[in-house]
Amino acid sequence: MILSRRSFLKVAGLSAVAVAGASMFTGCGNNNFLTTPVEYVVGDTEKVTADAVAALNKNNAATSVLGHSDLHNRDMKKEKEYFNNLITGLKYTDVEVKEVKMTQKLKDGKFDHYYLEVTLIKKTEKKK
């Protein structure tokens, strides 16, 4: 195969773009532009079982939400409503969300990424 100067420059240029583009996807780690990690915690150790919280933390459908962490740091009332609907949809009907807050995950004492911490409590019974 004869490689012309023009085709060589095309391939070299495309290769440079591919290498530069690939590095763009590694910089954000866990907190990328597509999703924000979620971690569930027990709000009342006597009433909420650790098994339910552990199951939610293992459920891929429940451990991240679409959107960068900046999008989830504005209206925590809506976040609380979202997670209440989510856990009910996942058949966890005996628990509800007490609080949702944006938290920093540290690694080796340094900032690693932001995540949403969802505190669960036993669902309060509605009075009739």
N, C-alpha and C. Protein backbone atom coordinates (compact mmCIF):
# COMPACT_ATOMS: atom_id res chain seq x y z
N MET A 1 0.84 -1.18 0.00
CA MET A 1 0.00 0.00 0.00
C MET A 1 0.88 1.24 0.00
N ILE A 2 0.57 2.14 -0.89
CA ILE A 2 1.32 3.38 -0.98
C ILE A 2 0.62 4.42 -0.11
N LEU A 3 1.38 5.03 0.77
CA LEU A 3 0.83 6.02 1.68
C LEU A 3 1.24 7.40 1.20
N SER A 4 0.26 8.15 0.74
CA SER A 4 0.56 9.49 0.25
C SER A 4 0.72 10.44 1.44
N ARG A 5 1.30 11.56 1.16
CA ARG A 5 1.51 12.58 2.19
C ARG A 5 0.16 13.06 2.72
N ARG A 6 -0.80 13.22 1.85
CA ARG A 6 -2.13 13.70 2.23
C ARG A 6 -2.84 12.70 3.15
N SER A 7 -2.83 11.41 2.81
CA SER A 7 -3.50 10.41 3.65
C SER A 7 -2.76 10.25 4.99
N PHE A 8 -1.45 10.39 5.00
CA PHE A 8 -0.69 10.33 6.25
C PHE A 8 -1.12 11.45 7.18
N LEU A 9 -1.26 12.67 6.66
CA LEU A 9 -1.67 13.81 7.49
C LEU A 9 -3.09 13.64 8.01
N LYS A 10 -3.98 13.05 7.21
CA LYS A 10 -5.35 12.79 7.65
C LYS A 10 -5.35 11.82 8.84
N VAL A 11 -4.62 10.71 8.68
CA VAL A 11 -4.57 9.71 9.75
C VAL A 11 -3.91 10.29 11.00
N ALA A 12 -2.85 11.04 10.85
CA ALA A 12 -2.16 11.65 11.99
C ALA A 12 -3.08 12.63 12.71
N GLY A 13 -3.81 13.41 11.95
CA GLY A 13 -4.74 14.38 12.55
C GLY A 13 -5.87 13.69 13.30
N LEU A 14 -6.46 12.66 12.72
CA LEU A 14 -7.53 11.92 13.38
C LEU A 14 -7.03 11.21 14.63
N SER A 15 -5.82 10.70 14.58
CA SER A 15 -5.24 10.03 15.75
C SER A 15 -5.05 11.02 16.89
N ALA A 16 -4.58 12.22 16.58
CA ALA A 16 -4.38 13.24 17.62
C ALA A 16 -5.70 13.62 18.27
N VAL A 17 -6.74 13.75 17.45
CA VAL A 17 -8.07 14.09 17.98
C VAL A 17 -8.58 12.95 18.87
N ALA A 18 -8.39 11.72 18.47
CA ALA A 18 -8.85 10.57 19.25
C ALA A 18 -8.14 10.51 20.60
N VAL A 19 -6.84 10.73 20.61
CA VAL A 19 -6.08 10.69 21.87
C VAL A 19 -6.52 11.83 22.79
N ALA A 20 -6.69 13.02 22.25
CA ALA A 20 -7.12 14.17 23.06
C ALA A 20 -8.54 13.95 23.58
N GLY A 21 -9.41 13.40 22.77
CA GLY A 21 -10.80 13.15 23.17
C GLY A 21 -10.91 12.09 24.25
N ALA A 22 -10.07 11.06 24.17
CA ALA A 22 -10.12 9.98 25.16
C ALA A 22 -9.77 10.49 26.56
N SER A 23 -8.84 11.42 26.66
CA SER A 23 -8.45 11.93 27.97
C SER A 23 -9.57 12.75 28.61
N MET A 24 -10.48 13.26 27.81
CA MET A 24 -11.57 14.07 28.32
C MET A 24 -12.52 13.23 29.18
N PHE A 25 -12.62 11.94 28.94
CA PHE A 25 -13.57 11.09 29.66
C PHE A 25 -13.05 10.54 30.97
N THR A 26 -11.80 10.70 31.28
CA THR A 26 -11.24 10.11 32.50
C THR A 26 -11.12 11.10 33.65
N GLY A 27 -11.31 12.37 33.42
CA GLY A 27 -11.03 13.38 34.43
C GLY A 27 -12.01 13.47 35.57
N CYS A 28 -13.23 13.04 35.39
CA CYS A 28 -14.24 13.29 36.40
C CYS A 28 -14.46 12.13 37.36
N GLY A 29 -13.95 10.97 37.08
CA GLY A 29 -14.11 9.83 37.98
C GLY A 29 -15.56 9.50 38.22
N ASN A 30 -15.94 9.30 39.52
CA ASN A 30 -17.30 8.92 39.87
C ASN A 30 -18.32 10.00 39.60
N ASN A 31 -17.93 11.24 39.76
CA ASN A 31 -18.88 12.34 39.63
C ASN A 31 -18.78 12.94 38.24
N ASN A 32 -19.22 12.21 37.25
CA ASN A 32 -19.12 12.71 35.89
C ASN A 32 -20.37 13.50 35.51
N PHE A 33 -20.47 13.89 34.27
CA PHE A 33 -21.58 14.72 33.83
C PHE A 33 -22.85 13.91 33.60
N LEU A 34 -22.77 12.61 33.60
CA LEU A 34 -23.95 11.79 33.30
C LEU A 34 -24.73 11.39 34.54
N THR A 35 -24.04 11.06 35.62
CA THR A 35 -24.74 10.59 36.82
C THR A 35 -24.11 11.14 38.09
N THR A 36 -24.88 11.10 39.17
CA THR A 36 -24.40 11.43 40.50
C THR A 36 -24.62 10.20 41.38
N PRO A 37 -23.59 9.73 42.08
CA PRO A 37 -23.73 8.56 42.95
C PRO A 37 -24.70 8.83 44.10
N VAL A 38 -25.33 7.75 44.59
CA VAL A 38 -26.29 7.82 45.70
C VAL A 38 -25.88 6.79 46.74
N GLU A 39 -25.96 7.17 48.01
CA GLU A 39 -25.69 6.23 49.10
C GLU A 39 -26.81 6.34 50.11
N TYR A 40 -27.37 5.20 50.52
CA TYR A 40 -28.46 5.16 51.48
C TYR A 40 -27.90 4.88 52.87
N VAL A 41 -28.44 5.57 53.87
CA VAL A 41 -28.02 5.37 55.25
C VAL A 41 -29.26 5.19 56.12
N VAL A 42 -29.06 4.54 57.27
CA VAL A 42 -30.15 4.29 58.22
C VAL A 42 -30.36 5.52 59.07
N GLY A 43 -31.60 6.00 59.12
CA GLY A 43 -31.92 7.17 59.93
C GLY A 43 -32.38 6.82 61.33
N ASP A 44 -32.95 5.62 61.50
CA ASP A 44 -33.45 5.18 62.80
C ASP A 44 -33.10 3.70 62.94
N THR A 45 -32.04 3.41 63.66
CA THR A 45 -31.53 2.04 63.72
C THR A 45 -32.50 1.05 64.34
N GLU A 46 -33.43 1.51 65.16
CA GLU A 46 -34.37 0.59 65.79
C GLU A 46 -35.50 0.19 64.84
N LYS A 47 -35.82 1.03 63.87
CA LYS A 47 -37.00 0.78 63.04
C LYS A 47 -36.69 0.42 61.59
N VAL A 48 -35.57 0.87 61.07
CA VAL A 48 -35.20 0.58 59.68
C VAL A 48 -34.13 -0.49 59.69
N THR A 49 -34.39 -1.57 58.96
CA THR A 49 -33.41 -2.66 58.97
C THR A 49 -32.22 -2.32 58.09
N ALA A 50 -31.07 -2.74 58.52
CA ALA A 50 -29.85 -2.53 57.74
C ALA A 50 -29.91 -3.33 56.44
N ASP A 51 -30.71 -4.42 56.43
CA ASP A 51 -30.83 -5.24 55.23
C ASP A 51 -31.46 -4.45 54.08
N ALA A 52 -32.48 -3.65 54.38
CA ALA A 52 -33.13 -2.86 53.33
C ALA A 52 -32.17 -1.82 52.78
N VAL A 53 -31.41 -1.18 53.65
CA VAL A 53 -30.45 -0.17 53.21
C VAL A 53 -29.34 -0.83 52.40
N ALA A 54 -28.85 -1.98 52.85
CA ALA A 54 -27.80 -2.69 52.10
C ALA A 54 -28.31 -3.12 50.73
N ALA A 55 -29.56 -3.58 50.65
CA ALA A 55 -30.13 -3.98 49.36
C ALA A 55 -30.25 -2.79 48.42
N LEU A 56 -30.65 -1.65 48.92
CA LEU A 56 -30.74 -0.45 48.08
C LEU A 56 -29.36 -0.02 47.61
N ASN A 57 -28.35 -0.11 48.48
CA ASN A 57 -26.99 0.28 48.09
C ASN A 57 -26.39 -0.66 47.05
N LYS A 58 -26.93 -1.88 46.93
CA LYS A 58 -26.45 -2.83 45.93
C LYS A 58 -27.25 -2.75 44.63
N ASN A 59 -28.41 -2.09 44.66
CA ASN A 59 -29.30 -2.03 43.50
C ASN A 59 -28.80 -0.98 42.51
N ASN A 60 -28.41 -1.42 41.32
CA ASN A 60 -27.87 -0.49 40.32
C ASN A 60 -28.87 0.57 39.90
N ALA A 61 -30.15 0.26 39.97
CA ALA A 61 -31.17 1.24 39.59
C ALA A 61 -31.32 2.35 40.63
N ALA A 62 -30.81 2.12 41.84
CA ALA A 62 -31.01 3.07 42.92
C ALA A 62 -29.74 3.78 43.38
N THR A 63 -28.59 3.41 42.84
CA THR A 63 -27.33 3.95 43.37
C THR A 63 -26.76 5.10 42.55
N SER A 64 -27.52 5.60 41.59
CA SER A 64 -27.09 6.80 40.87
C SER A 64 -28.31 7.47 40.26
N VAL A 65 -28.21 8.77 40.07
CA VAL A 65 -29.27 9.53 39.41
C VAL A 65 -28.66 10.28 38.24
N LEU A 66 -29.46 10.47 37.21
CA LEU A 66 -28.98 11.17 36.03
C LEU A 66 -28.66 12.61 36.35
N GLY A 67 -27.59 13.11 35.79
CA GLY A 67 -27.22 14.51 35.93
C GLY A 67 -26.04 14.73 36.84
N HIS A 68 -25.30 15.78 36.56
CA HIS A 68 -24.14 16.19 37.35
C HIS A 68 -24.60 16.61 38.74
N SER A 69 -23.71 16.54 39.72
CA SER A 69 -24.08 16.87 41.10
C SER A 69 -24.57 18.30 41.25
N ASP A 70 -24.15 19.21 40.40
CA ASP A 70 -24.64 20.59 40.47
C ASP A 70 -26.15 20.67 40.25
N LEU A 71 -26.69 19.76 39.45
CA LEU A 71 -28.12 19.76 39.18
C LEU A 71 -28.94 19.25 40.36
N HIS A 72 -28.31 18.50 41.25
CA HIS A 72 -29.03 17.90 42.38
C HIS A 72 -28.78 18.62 43.69
N ASN A 73 -28.24 19.80 43.63
CA ASN A 73 -27.89 20.52 44.85
C ASN A 73 -28.77 21.76 45.04
N ARG A 74 -29.91 21.79 44.37
CA ARG A 74 -30.73 23.00 44.40
C ARG A 74 -32.02 22.83 45.19
N ASP A 75 -32.82 21.83 44.86
CA ASP A 75 -34.14 21.68 45.47
C ASP A 75 -34.23 20.31 46.15
N MET A 76 -33.88 20.26 47.42
CA MET A 76 -33.86 18.99 48.13
C MET A 76 -35.27 18.45 48.40
N LYS A 77 -36.28 19.32 48.36
CA LYS A 77 -37.65 18.84 48.52
C LYS A 77 -38.03 17.95 47.33
N LYS A 78 -37.63 18.37 46.13
CA LYS A 78 -37.90 17.55 44.95
C LYS A 78 -37.07 16.27 44.96
N GLU A 79 -35.84 16.36 45.45
CA GLU A 79 -35.00 15.16 45.55
C GLU A 79 -35.63 14.16 46.51
N LYS A 80 -36.14 14.64 47.64
CA LYS A 80 -36.78 13.77 48.62
C LYS A 80 -37.99 13.08 48.01
N GLU A 81 -38.79 13.83 47.27
CA GLU A 81 -39.97 13.28 46.60
C GLU A 81 -39.56 12.23 45.56
N TYR A 82 -38.50 12.52 44.81
CA TYR A 82 -38.00 11.58 43.80
C TYR A 82 -37.60 10.26 44.45
N PHE A 83 -36.82 10.32 45.52
CA PHE A 83 -36.34 9.09 46.15
C PHE A 83 -37.46 8.33 46.86
N ASN A 84 -38.45 9.04 47.40
CA ASN A 84 -39.61 8.34 47.97
C ASN A 84 -40.33 7.55 46.89
N ASN A 85 -40.52 8.14 45.73
CA ASN A 85 -41.16 7.43 44.63
C ASN A 85 -40.30 6.27 44.15
N LEU A 86 -38.99 6.46 44.09
CA LEU A 86 -38.08 5.42 43.63
C LEU A 86 -38.11 4.20 44.54
N ILE A 87 -37.97 4.41 45.84
CA ILE A 87 -37.90 3.25 46.73
C ILE A 87 -39.25 2.54 46.82
N THR A 88 -40.35 3.27 46.68
CA THR A 88 -41.66 2.63 46.63
C THR A 88 -41.78 1.80 45.37
N GLY A 89 -41.29 2.33 44.25
CA GLY A 89 -41.32 1.60 42.99
C GLY A 89 -40.45 0.36 43.01
N LEU A 90 -39.43 0.35 43.85
CA LEU A 90 -38.55 -0.81 43.98
C LEU A 90 -39.05 -1.78 45.06
N LYS A 91 -40.29 -1.59 45.49
CA LYS A 91 -40.97 -2.47 46.45
C LYS A 91 -40.48 -2.33 47.89
N TYR A 92 -39.89 -1.20 48.21
CA TYR A 92 -39.52 -0.91 49.59
C TYR A 92 -40.59 0.01 50.16
N THR A 93 -41.70 -0.58 50.58
CA THR A 93 -42.85 0.22 50.99
C THR A 93 -42.87 0.50 52.49
N ASP A 94 -41.97 -0.12 53.25
CA ASP A 94 -41.98 0.09 54.69
C ASP A 94 -41.03 1.20 55.14
N VAL A 95 -40.30 1.81 54.19
CA VAL A 95 -39.39 2.90 54.53
C VAL A 95 -39.72 4.14 53.71
N GLU A 96 -39.30 5.29 54.22
CA GLU A 96 -39.45 6.54 53.50
C GLU A 96 -38.20 7.39 53.73
N VAL A 97 -38.07 8.42 52.92
CA VAL A 97 -36.90 9.28 52.98
C VAL A 97 -37.09 10.35 54.04
N LYS A 98 -36.15 10.43 54.95
CA LYS A 98 -36.17 11.48 55.97
C LYS A 98 -35.47 12.73 55.44
N GLU A 99 -34.32 12.51 54.76
CA GLU A 99 -33.51 13.64 54.33
C GLU A 99 -32.65 13.24 53.14
N VAL A 100 -32.41 14.19 52.25
CA VAL A 100 -31.46 14.02 51.15
C VAL A 100 -30.49 15.19 51.22
N LYS A 101 -29.20 14.88 51.20
CA LYS A 101 -28.22 15.97 51.22
C LYS A 101 -27.03 15.62 50.34
N MET A 102 -26.41 16.65 49.81
CA MET A 102 -25.21 16.50 49.00
C MET A 102 -24.02 16.40 49.95
N THR A 103 -23.20 15.39 49.76
CA THR A 103 -22.07 15.13 50.64
C THR A 103 -20.81 14.90 49.80
N GLN A 104 -19.67 15.12 50.42
CA GLN A 104 -18.39 14.89 49.75
C GLN A 104 -17.82 13.54 50.17
N LYS A 105 -17.36 12.78 49.20
CA LYS A 105 -16.67 11.52 49.49
C LYS A 105 -15.18 11.81 49.50
N LEU A 106 -14.50 11.41 50.56
CA LEU A 106 -13.06 11.61 50.67
C LEU A 106 -12.33 10.31 50.40
N LYS A 107 -11.17 10.44 49.81
CA LYS A 107 -10.31 9.28 49.56
C LYS A 107 -8.90 9.67 49.99
N ASP A 108 -8.36 8.94 50.94
CA ASP A 108 -7.04 9.26 51.51
C ASP A 108 -7.01 10.69 52.06
N GLY A 109 -8.13 11.11 52.68
CA GLY A 109 -8.20 12.43 53.29
C GLY A 109 -8.39 13.58 52.32
N LYS A 110 -8.53 13.28 51.03
CA LYS A 110 -8.71 14.33 50.03
C LYS A 110 -10.05 14.15 49.31
N PHE A 111 -10.58 15.25 48.82
CA PHE A 111 -11.85 15.22 48.10
C PHE A 111 -11.76 14.30 46.90
N ASP A 112 -12.76 13.39 46.75
CA ASP A 112 -12.81 12.49 45.60
C ASP A 112 -13.99 12.84 44.69
N HIS A 113 -15.21 12.92 45.28
CA HIS A 113 -16.38 13.27 44.49
C HIS A 113 -17.56 13.62 45.41
N TYR A 114 -18.59 14.22 44.82
CA TYR A 114 -19.83 14.49 45.53
C TYR A 114 -20.78 13.31 45.34
N TYR A 115 -21.67 13.11 46.32
CA TYR A 115 -22.71 12.11 46.18
C TYR A 115 -23.92 12.54 47.00
N LEU A 116 -25.07 11.97 46.68
CA LEU A 116 -26.29 12.25 47.43
C LEU A 116 -26.42 11.21 48.54
N GLU A 117 -26.58 11.68 49.77
CA GLU A 117 -26.80 10.79 50.90
C GLU A 117 -28.29 10.81 51.23
N VAL A 118 -28.93 9.66 51.15
CA VAL A 118 -30.37 9.53 51.37
C VAL A 118 -30.58 8.80 52.69
N THR A 119 -31.16 9.50 53.67
CA THR A 119 -31.41 8.92 54.99
C THR A 119 -32.82 8.34 55.01
N LEU A 120 -32.92 7.05 55.37
CA LEU A 120 -34.21 6.36 55.39
C LEU A 120 -34.70 6.15 56.81
N ILE A 121 -36.01 6.26 56.98
CA ILE A 121 -36.66 5.98 58.26
C ILE A 121 -37.86 5.09 58.00
N LYS A 122 -38.40 4.52 59.06
CA LYS A 122 -39.62 3.70 58.94
C LYS A 122 -40.76 4.60 58.51
N LYS A 123 -41.54 4.10 57.56
CA LYS A 123 -42.66 4.89 57.02
C LYS A 123 -43.66 5.18 58.12
N THR A 124 -44.05 6.44 58.23
CA THR A 124 -45.04 6.82 59.23
C THR A 124 -46.42 6.47 58.71
N GLU A 125 -47.23 5.95 59.60
CA GLU A 125 -48.59 5.57 59.20
C GLU A 125 -49.46 6.83 59.16
N LYS A 126 -50.24 6.91 58.11
CA LYS A 126 -51.14 8.06 57.97
C LYS A 126 -52.37 7.85 58.84
N LYS A 127 -52.76 8.91 59.52
CA LYS A 127 -53.95 8.86 60.37
C LYS A 127 -55.19 8.95 59.50
N LYS A 128 -56.20 8.17 59.83
CA LYS A 128 -57.44 8.15 59.05
C LYS A 128 -58.47 9.10 59.59
